[in-house]
């Protein structure tokens, strides 16, 4: 039986402050969401992170996680968005 991965793209954008990565990663770990890949940059004081995560073992639905992360972003002053990989790929196809 093939091992399927439920991939989601998470983007985090906003003014750079201490603890952004820690707070996002703490939420993901506590929700059983595995980080597959991560890229993060800071340009002139603005923080930008893109993560590809595996939600196969997540203890919440995609919608609940997306809502939780959006609220977390508001608390720490950044915008956090989640998209299913297949939707992301269809939207960004050339």
PDB file of N, CA and C in Angstrom:
ATOM      1  N   UNK A   1       0.837  -1.185   0.000  1.00  0.00           N
ATOM      2  CA  UNK A   1       0.000   0.000   0.000  1.00  0.00           C
ATOM      3  C   UNK A   1       0.878   1.242   0.000  1.00  0.00           C
ATOM      4  N   UNK A   2       0.575   2.172  -0.895  1.00  0.00           N
ATOM      5  CA  UNK A   2       1.391   3.373  -1.040  1.00  0.00           C
ATOM      6  C   UNK A   2       1.169   4.326   0.122  1.00  0.00           C
ATOM      7  N   UNK A   3       2.245   4.922   0.591  1.00  0.00           N
ATOM      8  CA  UNK A   3       2.182   5.877   1.689  1.00  0.00           C
ATOM      9  C   UNK A   3       1.868   7.259   1.114  1.00  0.00           C
ATOM     10  N   UNK A   4       0.674   7.783   1.358  1.00  0.00           N
ATOM     11  CA  UNK A   4       0.309   9.089   0.811  1.00  0.00           C
ATOM     12  C   UNK A   4       0.646  10.186   1.803  1.00  0.00           C
ATOM     13  N   UNK A   5       0.955  11.341   1.250  1.00  0.00           N
ATOM     14  CA  UNK A   5       1.297  12.504   2.055  1.00  0.00           C
ATOM     15  C   UNK A   5       0.261  13.585   1.754  1.00  0.00           C
ATOM     16  N   UNK A   6      -0.288  14.178   2.797  1.00  0.00           N
ATOM     17  CA  UNK A   6      -1.287  15.235   2.674  1.00  0.00           C
ATOM     18  C   UNK A   6      -0.570  16.580   2.811  1.00  0.00           C
ATOM     19  N   UNK A   7      -0.058  17.103   1.680  1.00  0.00           N
ATOM     20  CA  UNK A   7       0.774  18.304   1.718  1.00  0.00           C
ATOM     21  C   UNK A   7      -0.043  19.594   1.720  1.00  0.00           C
ATOM     22  N   UNK A   8       0.421  20.530   2.544  1.00  0.00           N
ATOM     23  CA  UNK A   8      -0.170  21.858   2.635  1.00  0.00           C
ATOM     24  C   UNK A   8       0.964  22.877   2.583  1.00  0.00           C
ATOM     25  N   UNK A   9       0.696  24.003   1.911  1.00  0.00           N
ATOM     26  CA  UNK A   9       1.652  25.112   1.836  1.00  0.00           C
ATOM     27  C   UNK A   9       1.226  26.146   2.873  1.00  0.00           C
ATOM     28  N   UNK A  10       2.152  26.543   3.732  1.00  0.00           N
ATOM     29  CA  UNK A  10       1.881  27.581   4.734  1.00  0.00           C
ATOM     30  C   UNK A  10       2.810  28.752   4.448  1.00  0.00           C
ATOM     31  N   UNK A  11       2.243  29.952   4.347  1.00  0.00           N
ATOM     32  CA  UNK A  11       3.057  31.151   4.163  1.00  0.00           C
ATOM     33  C   UNK A  11       2.862  32.076   5.360  1.00  0.00           C
ATOM     34  N   UNK A  12       3.965  32.682   5.788  1.00  0.00           N
ATOM     35  CA  UNK A  12       3.957  33.606   6.922  1.00  0.00           C
ATOM     36  C   UNK A  12       4.676  34.874   6.464  1.00  0.00           C
ATOM     37  N   UNK A  13       3.986  36.005   6.534  1.00  0.00           N
ATOM     38  CA  UNK A  13       4.561  37.266   6.058  1.00  0.00           C
ATOM     39  C   UNK A  13       4.241  38.367   7.060  1.00  0.00           C
ATOM     40  N   UNK A  14       5.228  39.213   7.351  1.00  0.00           N
ATOM     41  CA  UNK A  14       4.974  40.357   8.226  1.00  0.00           C
ATOM     42  C   UNK A  14       6.254  40.986   8.709  1.00  0.00           C
ATOM     43  N   UNK A  15       6.113  41.979   9.572  1.00  0.00           N
ATOM     44  CA  UNK A  15       7.263  42.659  10.167  1.00  0.00           C
ATOM     45  C   UNK A  15       8.004  41.659  11.045  1.00  0.00           C
ATOM     46  N   UNK A  16       9.316  41.635  10.930  1.00  0.00           N
ATOM     47  CA  UNK A  16      10.112  40.657  11.680  1.00  0.00           C
ATOM     48  C   UNK A  16      10.089  40.962  13.176  1.00  0.00           C
ATOM     49  N   UNK A  17       9.800  39.937  13.980  1.00  0.00           N
ATOM     50  CA  UNK A  17       9.880  40.046  15.435  1.00  0.00           C
ATOM     51  C   UNK A  17      10.448  38.727  15.969  1.00  0.00           C
ATOM     52  N   UNK A  18      10.889  38.747  17.196  1.00  0.00           N
ATOM     53  CA  UNK A  18      11.447  37.556  17.833  1.00  0.00           C
ATOM     54  C   UNK A  18      10.337  36.522  18.050  1.00  0.00           C
ATOM     55  N   UNK A  19      10.608  35.274  17.694  1.00  0.00           N
ATOM     56  CA  UNK A  19       9.722  34.179  18.050  1.00  0.00           C
ATOM     57  C   UNK A  19       8.716  33.729  17.013  1.00  0.00           C
ATOM     58  N   UNK A  20       8.711  34.322  15.824  1.00  0.00           N
ATOM     59  CA  UNK A  20       7.720  33.936  14.809  1.00  0.00           C
ATOM     60  C   UNK A  20       7.858  32.451  14.473  1.00  0.00           C
ATOM     61  N   UNK A  21       9.060  32.029  14.112  1.00  0.00           N
ATOM     62  CA  UNK A  21       9.272  30.625  13.716  1.00  0.00           C
ATOM     63  C   UNK A  21       8.942  29.706  14.889  1.00  0.00           C
ATOM     64  N   UNK A  22       9.388  30.059  16.083  1.00  0.00           N
ATOM     65  CA  UNK A  22       9.151  29.223  17.260  1.00  0.00           C
ATOM     66  C   UNK A  22       7.652  29.029  17.506  1.00  0.00           C
ATOM     67  N   UNK A  23       6.884  30.095  17.422  1.00  0.00           N
ATOM     68  CA  UNK A  23       5.446  29.986  17.712  1.00  0.00           C
ATOM     69  C   UNK A  23       4.723  29.167  16.646  1.00  0.00           C
ATOM     70  N   UNK A  24       5.061  29.377  15.378  1.00  0.00           N
ATOM     71  CA  UNK A  24       4.421  28.609  14.308  1.00  0.00           C
ATOM     72  C   UNK A  24       4.801  27.131  14.428  1.00  0.00           C
ATOM     73  N   UNK A  25       6.084  26.856  14.630  1.00  0.00           N
ATOM     74  CA  UNK A  25       6.542  25.465  14.717  1.00  0.00           C
ATOM     75  C   UNK A  25       5.998  24.765  15.961  1.00  0.00           C
ATOM     76  N   UNK A  26       5.845  25.483  17.072  1.00  0.00           N
ATOM     77  CA  UNK A  26       5.256  24.907  18.281  1.00  0.00           C
ATOM     78  C   UNK A  26       3.816  24.480  18.004  1.00  0.00           C
ATOM     79  N   UNK A  27       3.059  25.341  17.320  1.00  0.00           N
ATOM     80  CA  UNK A  27       1.679  24.983  16.967  1.00  0.00           C
ATOM     81  C   UNK A  27       1.658  23.730  16.084  1.00  0.00           C
ATOM     82  N   UNK A  28       2.508  23.710  15.056  1.00  0.00           N
ATOM     83  CA  UNK A  28       2.529  22.571  14.141  1.00  0.00           C
ATOM     84  C   UNK A  28       2.861  21.281  14.880  1.00  0.00           C
ATOM     85  N   UNK A  29       3.880  21.316  15.722  1.00  0.00           N
ATOM     86  CA  UNK A  29       4.287  20.120  16.465  1.00  0.00           C
ATOM     87  C   UNK A  29       3.168  19.644  17.389  1.00  0.00           C
ATOM     88  N   UNK A  30       2.515  20.571  18.074  1.00  0.00           N
ATOM     89  CA  UNK A  30       1.456  20.176  19.010  1.00  0.00           C
ATOM     90  C   UNK A  30       0.233  19.622  18.286  1.00  0.00           C
ATOM     91  N   UNK A  31       0.112  19.936  16.986  1.00  0.00           N
ATOM     92  CA  UNK A  31      -1.021  19.453  16.180  1.00  0.00           C
ATOM     93  C   UNK A  31      -0.654  18.231  15.334  1.00  0.00           C
ATOM     94  N   UNK A  32       0.544  17.671  15.555  1.00  0.00           N
ATOM     95  CA  UNK A  32       1.019  16.484  14.832  1.00  0.00           C
ATOM     96  C   UNK A  32       1.196  16.755  13.327  1.00  0.00           C
ATOM     97  N   UNK A  33       1.616  17.973  12.995  1.00  0.00           N
ATOM     98  CA  UNK A  33       1.863  18.356  11.598  1.00  0.00           C
ATOM     99  C   UNK A  33       3.373  18.384  11.390  1.00  0.00           C
ATOM    100  N   UNK A  34       3.848  17.615  10.401  1.00  0.00           N
ATOM    101  CA  UNK A  34       5.278  17.478  10.148  1.00  0.00           C
ATOM    102  C   UNK A  34       5.743  18.471   9.083  1.00  0.00           C
ATOM    103  N   UNK A  35       6.841  19.162   9.358  1.00  0.00           N
ATOM    104  CA  UNK A  35       7.425  20.090   8.384  1.00  0.00           C
ATOM    105  C   UNK A  35       8.306  19.289   7.429  1.00  0.00           C
ATOM    106  N   UNK A  36       8.001  19.371   6.124  1.00  0.00           N
ATOM    107  CA  UNK A  36       8.778  18.665   5.104  1.00  0.00           C
ATOM    108  C   UNK A  36       9.867  19.558   4.526  1.00  0.00           C
ATOM    109  N   UNK A  37       9.558  20.851   4.378  1.00  0.00           N
ATOM    110  CA  UNK A  37      10.525  21.798   3.808  1.00  0.00           C
ATOM    111  C   UNK A  37      10.186  23.184   4.339  1.00  0.00           C
ATOM    112  N   UNK A  38      11.208  24.008   4.483  1.00  0.00           N
ATOM    113  CA  UNK A  38      10.998  25.353   5.014  1.00  0.00           C
ATOM    114  C   UNK A  38      12.006  26.304   4.380  1.00  0.00           C
ATOM    115  N   UNK A  39      11.532  27.488   4.037  1.00  0.00           N
ATOM    116  CA  UNK A  39      12.392  28.539   3.503  1.00  0.00           C
ATOM    117  C   UNK A  39      11.999  29.832   4.196  1.00  0.00           C
ATOM    118  N   UNK A  40      12.977  30.575   4.668  1.00  0.00           N
ATOM    119  CA  UNK A  40      12.681  31.800   5.398  1.00  0.00           C
ATOM    120  C   UNK A  40      13.690  32.873   5.030  1.00  0.00           C
ATOM    121  N   UNK A  41      13.199  34.086   4.804  1.00  0.00           N
ATOM    122  CA  UNK A  41      14.078  35.210   4.522  1.00  0.00           C
ATOM    123  C   UNK A  41      13.577  36.444   5.264  1.00  0.00           C
ATOM    124  N   UNK A  42      14.488  37.361   5.488  1.00  0.00           N
ATOM    125  CA  UNK A  42      14.131  38.659   6.048  1.00  0.00           C
ATOM    126  C   UNK A  42      14.712  39.697   5.104  1.00  0.00           C
ATOM    127  N   UNK A  43      13.847  40.562   4.588  1.00  0.00           N
ATOM    128  CA  UNK A  43      14.270  41.601   3.654  1.00  0.00           C
ATOM    129  C   UNK A  43      13.835  42.945   4.227  1.00  0.00           C
ATOM    130  N   UNK A  44      14.802  43.807   4.529  1.00  0.00           N
ATOM    131  CA  UNK A  44      14.555  45.140   5.072  1.00  0.00           C
ATOM    132  C   UNK A  44      13.546  45.127   6.215  1.00  0.00           C
ATOM    133  N   UNK A  45      13.703  44.176   7.126  1.00  0.00           N
ATOM    134  CA  UNK A  45      12.855  44.120   8.309  1.00  0.00           C
ATOM    135  C   UNK A  45      11.549  43.367   8.139  1.00  0.00           C
ATOM    136  N   UNK A  46      11.302  42.841   6.929  1.00  0.00           N
ATOM    137  CA  UNK A  46      10.083  42.069   6.694  1.00  0.00           C
ATOM    138  C   UNK A  46      10.409  40.588   6.624  1.00  0.00           C
ATOM    139  N   UNK A  47       9.641  39.813   7.366  1.00  0.00           N
ATOM    140  CA  UNK A  47       9.830  38.375   7.496  1.00  0.00           C
ATOM    141  C   UNK A  47       8.958  37.663   6.467  1.00  0.00           C
ATOM    142  N   UNK A  48       9.520  36.657   5.800  1.00  0.00           N
ATOM    143  CA  UNK A  48       8.774  35.870   4.811  1.00  0.00           C
ATOM    144  C   UNK A  48       9.189  34.408   4.975  1.00  0.00           C
ATOM    145  N   UNK A  49       8.210  33.541   5.241  1.00  0.00           N
ATOM    146  CA  UNK A  49       8.507  32.120   5.394  1.00  0.00           C
ATOM    147  C   UNK A  49       7.490  31.311   4.599  1.00  0.00           C
ATOM    148  N   UNK A  50       7.982  30.288   3.942  1.00  0.00           N
ATOM    149  CA  UNK A  50       7.118  29.351   3.236  1.00  0.00           C
ATOM    150  C   UNK A  50       7.479  27.958   3.726  1.00  0.00           C
ATOM    151  N   UNK A  51       6.453  27.193   4.087  1.00  0.00           N
ATOM    152  CA  UNK A  51       6.669  25.839   4.580  1.00  0.00           C
ATOM    153  C   UNK A  51       5.817  24.872   3.774  1.00  0.00           C
ATOM    154  N   UNK A  52       6.348  23.692   3.551  1.00  0.00           N
ATOM    155  CA  UNK A  52       5.536  22.597   3.022  1.00  0.00           C
ATOM    156  C   UNK A  52       5.424  21.614   4.181  1.00  0.00           C
ATOM    157  N   UNK A  53       4.189  21.313   4.556  1.00  0.00           N
ATOM    158  CA  UNK A  53       3.968  20.445   5.700  1.00  0.00           C
ATOM    159  C   UNK A  53       3.128  19.242   5.302  1.00  0.00           C
ATOM    160  N   UNK A  54       3.246  18.193   6.102  1.00  0.00           N
ATOM    161  CA  UNK A  54       2.464  16.963   5.911  1.00  0.00           C
ATOM    162  C   UNK A  54       1.395  16.917   6.998  1.00  0.00           C
ATOM    163  N   UNK A  55       0.125  16.977   6.589  1.00  0.00           N
ATOM    164  CA  UNK A  55      -0.987  16.970   7.541  1.00  0.00           C
ATOM    165  C   UNK A  55      -1.616  15.584   7.696  1.00  0.00           C
ATOM    166  N   UNK A  56      -0.949  14.537   7.191  1.00  0.00           N
ATOM    167  CA  UNK A  56      -1.499  13.183   7.232  1.00  0.00           C
ATOM    168  C   UNK A  56      -1.901  12.773   8.648  1.00  0.00           C
ATOM    169  N   UNK A  57      -1.085  13.106   9.643  1.00  0.00           N
ATOM    170  CA  UNK A  57      -1.351  12.686  11.028  1.00  0.00           C
ATOM    171  C   UNK A  57      -1.887  13.818  11.893  1.00  0.00           C
ATOM    172  N   UNK A  58      -2.299  14.925  11.279  1.00  0.00           N
ATOM    173  CA  UNK A  58      -2.794  16.079  12.043  1.00  0.00           C
ATOM    174  C   UNK A  58      -3.997  15.677  12.891  1.00  0.00           C
ATOM    175  N   UNK A  59      -4.056  16.238  14.098  1.00  0.00           N
ATOM    176  CA  UNK A  59      -5.167  15.910  14.985  1.00  0.00           C
ATOM    177  C   UNK A  59      -6.360  16.843  14.803  1.00  0.00           C
ATOM    178  N   UNK A  60      -6.288  17.727  13.806  1.00  0.00           N
ATOM    179  CA  UNK A  60      -7.394  18.633  13.478  1.00  0.00           C
ATOM    180  C   UNK A  60      -7.589  18.631  11.962  1.00  0.00           C
ATOM    181  N   UNK A  61      -8.726  19.124  11.517  1.00  0.00           N
ATOM    182  CA  UNK A  61      -8.983  19.218  10.079  1.00  0.00           C
ATOM    183  C   UNK A  61      -8.151  20.350   9.476  1.00  0.00           C
ATOM    184  N   UNK A  62      -8.023  20.333   8.151  1.00  0.00           N
ATOM    185  CA  UNK A  62      -7.320  21.404   7.445  1.00  0.00           C
ATOM    186  C   UNK A  62      -7.923  22.756   7.818  1.00  0.00           C
ATOM    187  N   UNK A  63      -9.248  22.849   7.791  1.00  0.00           N
ATOM    188  CA  UNK A  63      -9.931  24.112   8.088  1.00  0.00           C
ATOM    189  C   UNK A  63      -9.660  24.622   9.487  1.00  0.00           C
ATOM    190  N   UNK A  64      -9.671  23.715  10.462  1.00  0.00           N
ATOM    191  CA  UNK A  64      -9.386  24.112  11.847  1.00  0.00           C
ATOM    192  C   UNK A  64      -7.952  24.616  11.978  1.00  0.00           C
ATOM    193  N   UNK A  65      -7.012  23.920  11.352  1.00  0.00           N
ATOM    194  CA  UNK A  65      -5.608  24.334  11.406  1.00  0.00           C
ATOM    195  C   UNK A  65      -5.413  25.689  10.729  1.00  0.00           C
ATOM    196  N   UNK A  66      -6.040  25.868   9.562  1.00  0.00           N
ATOM    197  CA  UNK A  66      -5.929  27.141   8.841  1.00  0.00           C
ATOM    198  C   UNK A  66      -6.464  28.281   9.697  1.00  0.00           C
ATOM    199  N   UNK A  67      -7.612  28.064  10.354  1.00  0.00           N
ATOM    200  CA  UNK A  67      -8.197  29.087  11.227  1.00  0.00           C
ATOM    201  C   UNK A  67      -7.299  29.368  12.428  1.00  0.00           C
ATOM    202  N   UNK A  68      -6.791  28.296  13.061  1.00  0.00           N
ATOM    203  CA  UNK A  68      -5.905  28.462  14.219  1.00  0.00           C
ATOM    204  C   UNK A  68      -4.660  29.258  13.839  1.00  0.00           C
ATOM    205  N   UNK A  69      -4.065  28.921  12.699  1.00  0.00           N
ATOM    206  CA  UNK A  69      -2.838  29.609  12.273  1.00  0.00           C
ATOM    207  C   UNK A  69      -3.117  31.064  11.917  1.00  0.00           C
ATOM    208  N   UNK A  70      -4.277  31.329  11.304  1.00  0.00           N
ATOM    209  CA  UNK A  70      -4.635  32.713  10.993  1.00  0.00           C
ATOM    210  C   UNK A  70      -4.759  33.529  12.286  1.00  0.00           C
ATOM    211  N   UNK A  71      -5.399  32.944  13.308  1.00  0.00           N
ATOM    212  CA  UNK A  71      -5.536  33.620  14.613  1.00  0.00           C
ATOM    213  C   UNK A  71      -4.174  33.814  15.270  1.00  0.00           C
ATOM    214  N   UNK A  72      -3.316  32.786  15.193  1.00  0.00           N
ATOM    215  CA  UNK A  72      -1.967  32.895  15.749  1.00  0.00           C
ATOM    216  C   UNK A  72      -1.223  34.041  15.072  1.00  0.00           C
ATOM    217  N   UNK A  73      -1.356  34.138  13.756  1.00  0.00           N
ATOM    218  CA  UNK A  73      -0.713  35.223  13.021  1.00  0.00           C
ATOM    219  C   UNK A  73      -1.168  36.591  13.503  1.00  0.00           C
ATOM    220  N   UNK A  74      -2.473  36.728  13.733  1.00  0.00           N
ATOM    221  CA  UNK A  74      -2.995  38.007  14.239  1.00  0.00           C
ATOM    222  C   UNK A  74      -2.386  38.334  15.597  1.00  0.00           C
ATOM    223  N   UNK A  75      -2.235  37.318  16.447  1.00  0.00           N
ATOM    224  CA  UNK A  75      -1.660  37.519  17.786  1.00  0.00           C
ATOM    225  C   UNK A  75      -0.209  37.982  17.727  1.00  0.00           C
ATOM    226  N   UNK A  76       0.548  37.478  16.752  1.00  0.00           N
ATOM    227  CA  UNK A  76       1.982  37.815  16.694  1.00  0.00           C
ATOM    228  C   UNK A  76       2.301  38.844  15.608  1.00  0.00           C
ATOM    229  N   UNK A  77       1.277  39.374  14.951  1.00  0.00           N
ATOM    230  CA  UNK A  77       1.474  40.483  14.012  1.00  0.00           C
ATOM    231  C   UNK A  77       1.938  40.102  12.620  1.00  0.00           C
ATOM    232  N   UNK A  78       1.621  38.895  12.184  1.00  0.00           N
ATOM    233  CA  UNK A  78       1.963  38.459  10.821  1.00  0.00           C
ATOM    234  C   UNK A  78       0.723  37.873  10.151  1.00  0.00           C
ATOM    235  N   UNK A  79       0.797  37.702   8.850  1.00  0.00           N
ATOM    236  CA  UNK A  79      -0.270  37.044   8.100  1.00  0.00           C
ATOM    237  C   UNK A  79       0.142  35.603   7.839  1.00  0.00           C
ATOM    238  N   UNK A  80      -0.700  34.645   8.260  1.00  0.00           N
ATOM    239  CA  UNK A  80      -0.415  33.231   8.023  1.00  0.00           C
ATOM    240  C   UNK A  80      -1.544  32.648   7.186  1.00  0.00           C
ATOM    241  N   UNK A  81      -1.180  32.084   6.041  1.00  0.00           N
ATOM    242  CA  UNK A  81      -2.161  31.494   5.124  1.00  0.00           C
ATOM    243  C   UNK A  81      -1.786  30.040   4.843  1.00  0.00           C
ATOM    244  N   UNK A  82      -2.811  29.205   4.676  1.00  0.00           N
ATOM    245  CA  UNK A  82      -2.617  27.790   4.356  1.00  0.00           C
ATOM    246  C   UNK A  82      -3.354  27.462   3.067  1.00  0.00           C
ATOM    247  N   UNK A  83      -2.717  26.674   2.225  1.00  0.00           N
ATOM    248  CA  UNK A  83      -3.361  26.193   0.997  1.00  0.00           C
ATOM    249  C   UNK A  83      -2.985  24.739   0.793  1.00  0.00           C
ATOM    250  N   UNK A  84      -3.957  23.944   0.384  1.00  0.00           N
ATOM    251  CA  UNK A  84      -3.669  22.566  -0.009  1.00  0.00           C
ATOM    252  C   UNK A  84      -2.714  22.608  -1.200  1.00  0.00           C
ATOM    253  N   UNK A  85      -1.786  21.676  -1.266  1.00  0.00           N
ATOM    254  CA  UNK A  85      -0.784  21.679  -2.334  1.00  0.00           C
ATOM    255  C   UNK A  85      -1.417  21.657  -3.722  1.00  0.00           C
ATOM    256  N   UNK A  86      -2.456  20.838  -3.921  1.00  0.00           N
ATOM    257  CA  UNK A  86      -3.043  20.736  -5.263  1.00  0.00           C
ATOM    258  C   UNK A  86      -3.694  22.056  -5.691  1.00  0.00           C
ATOM    259  N   UNK A  87      -4.288  22.786  -4.761  1.00  0.00           N
ATOM    260  CA  UNK A  87      -4.891  24.087  -5.065  1.00  0.00           C
ATOM    261  C   UNK A  87      -3.784  25.088  -5.396  1.00  0.00           C
ATOM    262  N   UNK A  88      -2.737  25.088  -4.571  1.00  0.00           N
ATOM    263  CA  UNK A  88      -1.605  25.987  -4.769  1.00  0.00           C
ATOM    264  C   UNK A  88      -0.998  25.788  -6.161  1.00  0.00           C
ATOM    265  N   UNK A  89      -0.796  24.520  -6.539  1.00  0.00           N
ATOM    266  CA  UNK A  89      -0.196  24.235  -7.837  1.00  0.00           C
ATOM    267  C   UNK A  89      -1.089  24.683  -8.991  1.00  0.00           C
ATOM    268  N   UNK A  90      -2.394  24.481  -8.872  1.00  0.00           N
ATOM    269  CA  UNK A  90      -3.316  24.899  -9.926  1.00  0.00           C
ATOM    270  C   UNK A  90      -3.346  26.418 -10.056  1.00  0.00           C
ATOM    271  N   UNK A  91      -3.261  27.130  -8.916  1.00  0.00           N
ATOM    272  CA  UNK A  91      -3.298  28.594  -8.951  1.00  0.00           C
ATOM    273  C   UNK A  91      -2.018  29.187  -9.527  1.00  0.00           C
ATOM    274  N   UNK A  92      -0.902  28.489  -9.364  1.00  0.00           N
ATOM    275  CA  UNK A  92       0.398  29.044  -9.763  1.00  0.00           C
ATOM    276  C   UNK A  92       0.986  28.376 -11.008  1.00  0.00           C
ATOM    277  N   UNK A  93       0.164  27.678 -11.755  1.00  0.00           N
ATOM    278  CA  UNK A  93       0.625  27.044 -12.993  1.00  0.00           C
ATOM    279  C   UNK A  93       0.810  28.121 -14.064  1.00  0.00           C
ATOM    280  N   UNK A  94       1.876  27.994 -14.834  1.00  0.00           N
ATOM    281  CA  UNK A  94       2.124  28.983 -15.902  1.00  0.00           C
ATOM    282  C   UNK A  94       1.519  28.493 -17.194  1.00  0.00           C
TER     283      UNK A  94
END
